[in-house]
Amino acid sequence: MKYKKVILFIILLEASFWVFRYFTGYIHHFHKSLFFILLLTVFPTLPLIGIFQVLKFTIEREKHHERLVYATSIFILTALIILIPQGPVNWESLERKPILHAQSSRFGQLKLNANQSCKYVFDRDFYFGKYEIRQDTIHLKLRRDTPWMYTSSYAVLGKSQKDTTTFDRICLHPNYQTKKGMCWRLGIQSVDMHQLSLVSK
């Protein structure tokens, strides 16, 4: 059977991407775009390869049963990718629990950790940095610009109207030159007020 190593490589490449897709967030956006272009050219060919292997098996005189193994593997993998596009493992749940997690469907999500490191997530891209909290203001220092913020930016914590002892939103400013009130609003999904008070200055 010809090209079985090539077929096996394509199957393993697609399966690896499906399982470890979450970690593409660590790749720079430009390089990730090239990676996705490569995968977009590979994925549509998978079912075609599977169909070709089945057809080849039915017409060949000397049967190569490994064709059916490859075809079955391809069809199962394709079905799983379509049914569970995010992958079989929730890798994010294995990370340390942040002391504050704010999120917006449009402006991404911001996570603050107890060691004063932060992580901003937008469109499956990860941006890391450090932060300081002074009174009700979070001062962010990221390693690189994001689509919505510069490397140096800040966010203002908003207290809940139902319970003034906790926060329920943040107002995220793209930079320090932004006018007051001109910000992206993210709802707080979870917050540890005790830990937050420990890192505040």
Protein backbone atom coordinates (compact mmCIF):
# COMPACT_ATOMS: atom_id res chain seq x y z
CA MET A 1 0.00 0.00 0.00
CA LYS A 2 1.50 3.30 -1.14
CA TYR A 3 1.54 6.55 0.82
CA LYS A 4 0.46 4.91 4.10
CA LYS A 5 3.03 6.98 6.03
CA VAL A 6 1.65 10.16 4.50
CA ILE A 7 -1.93 9.16 5.39
CA LEU A 8 -0.89 8.25 8.92
CA PHE A 9 0.94 11.58 9.30
CA ILE A 10 -2.15 13.55 8.18
CA ILE A 11 -4.38 11.64 10.61
CA LEU A 12 -1.97 12.19 13.52
CA LEU A 13 -1.55 15.88 12.64
CA GLU A 14 -5.30 16.51 12.62
CA ALA A 15 -5.85 14.46 15.78
CA SER A 16 -3.07 16.32 17.61
CA PHE A 17 -4.53 19.68 16.65
CA TRP A 18 -7.99 18.59 17.82
CA VAL A 19 -6.71 17.41 21.21
CA PHE A 20 -4.27 20.26 21.86
CA ARG A 21 -6.11 23.09 20.11
CA TYR A 22 -6.30 25.10 23.34
CA PHE A 23 -2.52 25.58 23.38
CA THR A 24 -2.52 27.38 20.03
CA GLY A 25 -3.44 30.43 22.13
CA TYR A 26 0.22 30.61 23.17
CA ILE A 27 1.32 30.99 19.53
CA HIS A 28 1.74 34.48 18.07
CA HIS A 29 -1.28 35.47 15.97
CA PHE A 30 0.69 35.67 12.68
CA HIS A 31 2.24 32.23 13.08
CA LYS A 32 -1.08 30.79 14.23
CA SER A 33 -2.74 32.15 11.07
CA LEU A 34 -0.22 30.28 8.92
CA PHE A 35 -0.80 27.16 11.03
CA PHE A 36 -4.58 27.41 10.58
CA ILE A 37 -4.22 27.88 6.83
CA LEU A 38 -2.23 24.66 6.70
CA LEU A 39 -4.87 22.81 8.71
CA LEU A 40 -7.71 24.20 6.61
CA THR A 41 -6.08 22.68 3.56
CA VAL A 42 -5.59 19.35 5.35
CA PHE A 43 -8.99 18.90 7.05
CA PRO A 44 -11.18 18.90 3.87
CA THR A 45 -8.92 16.25 2.34
CA LEU A 46 -9.40 13.81 5.24
CA PRO A 47 -12.88 12.54 4.23
CA LEU A 48 -11.76 12.36 0.60
CA ILE A 49 -8.80 10.21 1.61
CA GLY A 50 -11.14 7.96 3.62
CA ILE A 51 -13.57 7.57 0.71
CA PHE A 52 -10.70 6.88 -1.67
CA GLN A 53 -9.36 4.15 0.64
CA VAL A 54 -12.78 2.44 0.74
CA LEU A 55 -13.16 2.61 -3.05
CA LYS A 56 -9.62 1.35 -3.57
CA PHE A 57 -10.28 -1.57 -1.22
CA THR A 58 -13.43 -2.61 -3.13
CA ILE A 59 -11.79 -2.68 -6.57
CA GLU A 60 -8.31 -4.04 -5.81
CA ARG A 61 -7.70 -7.74 -6.25
CA GLU A 62 -5.17 -8.11 -3.46
CA LYS A 63 -7.03 -6.70 -0.48
CA HIS A 64 -5.15 -4.38 1.87
CA HIS A 65 -7.28 -4.40 5.00
CA GLU A 66 -5.28 -1.55 6.51
CA ARG A 67 -7.15 0.69 4.04
CA LEU A 68 -10.32 0.03 6.04
CA VAL A 69 -8.48 0.79 9.28
CA TYR A 70 -7.32 4.15 7.91
CA ALA A 71 -10.75 4.94 6.45
CA THR A 72 -12.54 4.09 9.72
CA SER A 73 -10.05 6.18 11.71
CA ILE A 74 -10.55 9.12 9.35
CA PHE A 75 -14.37 8.97 9.49
CA ILE A 76 -14.41 8.68 13.31
CA LEU A 77 -11.92 11.55 13.72
CA THR A 78 -13.85 13.76 11.29
CA ALA A 79 -17.12 13.09 13.14
CA LEU A 80 -15.51 13.86 16.51
CA ILE A 81 -14.01 17.14 15.26
CA ILE A 82 -17.43 18.23 13.96
CA LEU A 83 -19.31 17.14 17.11
CA ILE A 84 -16.71 18.34 19.67
CA PRO A 85 -14.77 21.15 17.91
CA GLN A 86 -13.29 22.44 21.19
CA GLY A 87 -11.49 19.13 21.75
CA PRO A 88 -11.94 16.24 24.19
CA VAL A 89 -10.10 17.86 27.13
CA ASN A 90 -11.01 21.06 28.96
CA TRP A 91 -7.41 22.20 29.45
CA GLU A 92 -8.48 25.53 30.90
CA SER A 93 -10.05 23.79 33.91
CA LEU A 94 -6.61 22.40 34.83
CA GLU A 95 -5.15 25.88 35.29
CA ARG A 96 -4.96 27.54 38.70
CA LYS A 97 -8.17 29.18 39.79
CA PRO A 98 -7.94 32.98 39.35
CA ILE A 99 -8.87 35.33 42.18
CA LEU A 100 -10.84 37.36 39.65
CA HIS A 101 -12.34 36.29 36.35
CA ALA A 102 -14.14 38.88 34.19
CA GLN A 103 -15.62 38.13 30.79
CA SER A 104 -17.47 39.68 27.86
CA SER A 105 -18.67 37.95 24.70
CA ARG A 106 -17.26 40.81 22.63
CA PHE A 107 -14.15 41.97 24.52
CA GLY A 108 -12.73 38.66 25.76
CA GLN A 109 -11.85 37.73 29.31
CA LEU A 110 -9.39 38.85 31.96
CA LYS A 111 -8.01 36.62 34.72
CA LEU A 112 -6.03 37.80 37.73
CA ASN A 113 -3.95 35.32 39.74
CA ALA A 114 -2.87 35.52 43.38
CA ASN A 115 0.81 35.92 42.38
CA GLN A 116 -0.09 39.17 40.57
CA SER A 117 0.18 37.64 37.12
CA CYS A 118 -2.67 38.14 34.68
CA LYS A 119 -3.98 36.58 31.51
CA TYR A 120 -6.15 38.26 28.89
CA VAL A 121 -7.89 36.00 26.38
CA PHE A 122 -9.34 37.23 23.10
CA ASP A 123 -10.33 35.11 20.11
CA ARG A 124 -8.33 32.13 21.45
CA ASP A 125 -5.17 34.28 21.74
CA PHE A 126 -3.47 34.54 25.13
CA TYR A 127 -1.80 37.71 26.43
CA PHE A 128 0.18 37.52 29.68
CA GLY A 129 1.46 40.15 32.05
CA LYS A 130 1.47 41.55 35.57
CA TYR A 131 -0.96 43.71 37.50
CA GLU A 132 -1.26 45.91 40.58
CA ILE A 133 -4.42 46.89 42.42
CA ARG A 134 -4.64 50.31 44.02
CA GLN A 135 -7.97 51.01 45.68
CA ASP A 136 -10.55 50.16 42.97
CA THR A 137 -8.15 50.33 39.99
CA ILE A 138 -6.32 47.42 38.34
CA HIS A 139 -3.11 48.57 36.63
CA LEU A 140 -2.16 46.16 33.85
CA LYS A 141 1.24 45.66 32.26
CA LEU A 142 1.03 43.17 29.40
CA ARG A 143 3.91 41.78 27.37
CA ARG A 144 2.34 42.82 24.05
CA ASP A 145 -0.60 44.80 22.70
CA THR A 146 -4.00 43.15 22.40
CA PRO A 147 -6.77 43.96 19.89
CA TRP A 148 -8.48 46.08 22.58
CA MET A 149 -5.65 47.26 24.84
CA TYR A 150 -2.10 48.58 24.79
CA THR A 151 0.60 46.95 26.89
CA SER A 152 -0.03 49.52 29.63
CA SER A 153 -3.69 49.89 30.50
CA TYR A 154 -6.02 49.79 33.45
CA ALA A 155 -9.44 48.65 34.61
CA VAL A 156 -11.79 50.03 37.24
CA LEU A 157 -13.66 47.65 39.53
CA GLY A 158 -17.41 48.24 39.84
CA LYS A 159 -19.26 47.32 43.03
CA SER A 160 -22.44 45.30 42.90
CA GLN A 161 -25.67 47.22 43.53
CA LYS A 162 -27.13 44.21 45.32
CA ASP A 163 -24.10 43.61 47.56
CA THR A 164 -21.71 46.55 48.03
CA THR A 165 -19.11 44.29 49.69
CA THR A 166 -18.25 42.65 46.36
CA PHE A 167 -17.61 43.57 42.71
CA ASP A 168 -19.69 42.44 39.73
CA ARG A 169 -18.00 44.19 36.77
CA ILE A 170 -14.86 45.90 35.54
CA CYS A 171 -14.46 48.83 33.17
CA LEU A 172 -11.45 48.01 30.97
CA HIS A 173 -9.63 50.98 29.42
CA PRO A 174 -7.46 50.44 26.31
CA ASN A 175 -4.76 52.84 27.61
CA TYR A 176 -4.11 55.58 30.15
CA GLN A 177 -5.07 58.33 27.68
CA THR A 178 -8.65 57.09 27.38
CA LYS A 179 -11.31 59.44 28.70
CA LYS A 180 -13.08 58.40 31.85
CA GLY A 181 -16.13 56.27 31.05
CA MET A 182 -14.76 55.25 27.63
CA CYS A 183 -14.11 51.60 28.41
CA TRP A 184 -15.03 48.00 27.66
CA ARG A 185 -17.37 46.51 30.24
CA LEU A 186 -16.71 42.95 31.39
CA GLY A 187 -18.94 41.10 33.84
CA ILE A 188 -17.16 39.42 36.76
CA GLN A 189 -17.80 35.67 36.69
CA SER A 190 -15.98 34.90 39.93
CA VAL A 191 -14.02 36.88 42.53
CA ASP A 192 -12.22 36.00 45.76
CA MET A 193 -12.58 39.19 47.80
CA HIS A 194 -10.18 37.98 50.50
CA GLN A 195 -7.37 37.19 48.04
CA LEU A 196 -8.12 40.40 46.14
CA SER A 197 -7.68 42.45 49.33
CA LEU A 198 -4.31 40.76 49.99
CA VAL A 199 -2.83 41.92 46.66
CA SER A 200 -4.35 45.41 46.89
CA LYS A 201 -2.17 48.37 47.85
